[in-house]
Amino acid sequence: MAKNKSKRDSLPEHFKSLAEFIEFWDNHAITEYPKVWRATDLKVNLLKRAYSVPLDARLAKKLESIARTKKTTVRRLVSRWLEEKLRAA
């Protein structure tokens, strides 16, 4: 982030590359540019939670393989299976 500068760099309208964008924001903070802030209507769903469950490497690889076959993510695959299992319980 930027050190206490008496004169701030101007915010570029466009960046020539992703590398230039990254370099700029690695050395600056959004708080340096309050004139570009805009009000926004942000909705957040705080009801969802993410859980981390340790898995055996063999089981994790099998889940990844099945998810790849079904063209989905492991997270969606496991969520779907848990929902099915809980409905049947």
C-alpha atoms as a PDB file:
ATOM      1  CA  MET A   1       0.000   0.000   0.000  1.00  0.00           C
ATOM      2  CA  ALA A   2       1.035   3.542  -0.516  1.00  0.00           C
ATOM      3  CA  LYS A   3       3.105   5.316   2.029  1.00  0.00           C
ATOM      4  CA  ASN A   4       1.922   8.679   3.286  1.00  0.00           C
ATOM      5  CA  LYS A   5       2.246  10.665   0.036  1.00  0.00           C
ATOM      6  CA  SER A   6       1.640  14.387  -0.069  1.00  0.00           C
ATOM      7  CA  LYS A   7       0.685  14.097  -3.765  1.00  0.00           C
ATOM      8  CA  ARG A   8      -1.218  11.005  -4.859  1.00  0.00           C
ATOM      9  CA  ASP A   9      -0.791   9.343  -8.219  1.00  0.00           C
ATOM     10  CA  SER A  10      -3.782   9.902 -10.416  1.00  0.00           C
ATOM     11  CA  LEU A  11      -6.034   6.911 -10.898  1.00  0.00           C
ATOM     12  CA  PRO A  12      -5.592   5.633 -14.469  1.00  0.00           C
ATOM     13  CA  GLU A  13      -8.770   5.494 -16.540  1.00  0.00           C
ATOM     14  CA  HIS A  14      -7.538   2.301 -18.211  1.00  0.00           C
ATOM     15  CA  PHE A  15      -4.723  -0.118 -17.541  1.00  0.00           C
ATOM     16  CA  LYS A  16      -2.649  -1.459 -20.438  1.00  0.00           C
ATOM     17  CA  SER A  17      -2.442  -4.917 -18.901  1.00  0.00           C
ATOM     18  CA  LEU A  18      -3.415  -7.025 -15.932  1.00  0.00           C
ATOM     19  CA  ALA A  19       0.177  -6.726 -14.701  1.00  0.00           C
ATOM     20  CA  GLU A  20      -0.111  -2.917 -14.747  1.00  0.00           C
ATOM     21  CA  PHE A  21      -3.412  -3.116 -12.831  1.00  0.00           C
ATOM     22  CA  ILE A  22      -1.878  -5.406 -10.205  1.00  0.00           C
ATOM     23  CA  GLU A  23       1.226  -3.240  -9.881  1.00  0.00           C
ATOM     24  CA  PHE A  24      -0.907  -0.127  -9.362  1.00  0.00           C
ATOM     25  CA  TRP A  25      -3.144  -1.649  -6.664  1.00  0.00           C
ATOM     26  CA  ASP A  26      -0.199  -3.333  -4.937  1.00  0.00           C
ATOM     27  CA  ASN A  27       1.124   0.168  -4.326  1.00  0.00           C
ATOM     28  CA  HIS A  28      -2.098   2.097  -3.690  1.00  0.00           C
ATOM     29  CA  ALA A  29      -5.197   1.832  -1.514  1.00  0.00           C
ATOM     30  CA  ILE A  30      -8.781   2.480  -2.592  1.00  0.00           C
ATOM     31  CA  THR A  31      -9.016   4.820   0.389  1.00  0.00           C
ATOM     32  CA  GLU A  32      -6.676   7.170  -1.501  1.00  0.00           C
ATOM     33  CA  TYR A  33      -9.375   7.747  -4.127  1.00  0.00           C
ATOM     34  CA  PRO A  34     -12.636   8.703  -2.364  1.00  0.00           C
ATOM     35  CA  LYS A  35     -13.845  10.668  -5.423  1.00  0.00           C
ATOM     36  CA  VAL A  36     -14.381   7.420  -7.334  1.00  0.00           C
ATOM     37  CA  TRP A  37     -16.447   5.754  -4.607  1.00  0.00           C
ATOM     38  CA  ARG A  38     -20.069   5.034  -5.473  1.00  0.00           C
ATOM     39  CA  ALA A  39     -22.984   4.040  -3.295  1.00  0.00           C
ATOM     40  CA  THR A  40     -24.149   0.515  -3.955  1.00  0.00           C
ATOM     41  CA  ASP A  41     -27.022  -1.682  -2.907  1.00  0.00           C
ATOM     42  CA  LEU A  42     -25.385  -4.831  -1.619  1.00  0.00           C
ATOM     43  CA  LYS A  43     -27.360  -7.813  -0.390  1.00  0.00           C
ATOM     44  CA  VAL A  44     -25.637 -10.465   1.668  1.00  0.00           C
ATOM     45  CA  ASN A  45     -26.977 -13.867   2.609  1.00  0.00           C
ATOM     46  CA  LEU A  46     -25.548 -14.554   6.047  1.00  0.00           C
ATOM     47  CA  LEU A  47     -27.514 -17.761   6.455  1.00  0.00           C
ATOM     48  CA  LYS A  48     -25.128 -19.875   4.384  1.00  0.00           C
ATOM     49  CA  ARG A  49     -22.086 -21.289   6.084  1.00  0.00           C
ATOM     50  CA  ALA A  50     -19.051 -23.051   4.729  1.00  0.00           C
ATOM     51  CA  TYR A  51     -17.692 -26.052   6.572  1.00  0.00           C
ATOM     52  CA  SER A  52     -14.310 -27.653   6.263  1.00  0.00           C
ATOM     53  CA  VAL A  53     -14.094 -31.400   6.761  1.00  0.00           C
ATOM     54  CA  PRO A  54     -10.768 -33.227   6.671  1.00  0.00           C
ATOM     55  CA  LEU A  55     -10.773 -36.058   4.133  1.00  0.00           C
ATOM     56  CA  ASP A  56      -8.465 -38.931   3.449  1.00  0.00           C
ATOM     57  CA  ALA A  57      -6.444 -38.158   0.278  1.00  0.00           C
ATOM     58  CA  ARG A  58      -7.808 -41.261  -1.461  1.00  0.00           C
ATOM     59  CA  LEU A  59     -11.397 -40.196  -0.767  1.00  0.00           C
ATOM     60  CA  ALA A  60     -10.705 -36.613  -1.902  1.00  0.00           C
ATOM     61  CA  LYS A  61      -9.244 -37.851  -5.202  1.00  0.00           C
ATOM     62  CA  LYS A  62     -12.255 -40.079  -5.787  1.00  0.00           C
ATOM     63  CA  LEU A  63     -14.624 -37.142  -5.124  1.00  0.00           C
ATOM     64  CA  GLU A  64     -12.645 -34.957  -7.544  1.00  0.00           C
ATOM     65  CA  SER A  65     -12.815 -37.660 -10.204  1.00  0.00           C
ATOM     66  CA  ILE A  66     -16.580 -38.127  -9.816  1.00  0.00           C
ATOM     67  CA  ALA A  67     -17.170 -34.359  -9.820  1.00  0.00           C
ATOM     68  CA  ARG A  68     -15.097 -33.983 -12.989  1.00  0.00           C
ATOM     69  CA  THR A  69     -17.092 -36.779 -14.661  1.00  0.00           C
ATOM     70  CA  LYS A  70     -20.358 -35.065 -13.702  1.00  0.00           C
ATOM     71  CA  LYS A  71     -18.966 -31.657 -14.789  1.00  0.00           C
ATOM     72  CA  THR A  72     -19.498 -30.082 -11.394  1.00  0.00           C
ATOM     73  CA  THR A  73     -17.428 -29.044  -8.406  1.00  0.00           C
ATOM     74  CA  VAL A  74     -16.659 -31.213  -5.406  1.00  0.00           C
ATOM     75  CA  ARG A  75     -18.526 -28.686  -3.247  1.00  0.00           C
ATOM     76  CA  ARG A  76     -21.722 -29.007  -5.312  1.00  0.00           C
ATOM     77  CA  LEU A  77     -21.423 -32.777  -5.584  1.00  0.00           C
ATOM     78  CA  VAL A  78     -21.005 -33.261  -1.832  1.00  0.00           C
ATOM     79  CA  SER A  79     -23.785 -30.758  -1.045  1.00  0.00           C
ATOM     80  CA  ARG A  80     -26.157 -32.566  -3.405  1.00  0.00           C
ATOM     81  CA  TRP A  81     -25.308 -35.961  -1.896  1.00  0.00           C
ATOM     82  CA  LEU A  82     -25.757 -34.673   1.651  1.00  0.00           C
ATOM     83  CA  GLU A  83     -29.133 -33.150   0.774  1.00  0.00           C
ATOM     84  CA  GLU A  84     -30.275 -36.468  -0.747  1.00  0.00           C
ATOM     85  CA  LYS A  85     -29.049 -38.431   2.264  1.00  0.00           C
ATOM     86  CA  LEU A  86     -30.729 -36.072   4.749  1.00  0.00           C
ATOM     87  CA  ARG A  87     -34.041 -36.195   2.868  1.00  0.00           C
ATOM     88  CA  ALA A  88     -33.956 -39.991   3.041  1.00  0.00           C
ATOM     89  CA  ALA A  89     -33.121 -40.012   6.769  1.00  0.00           C
END
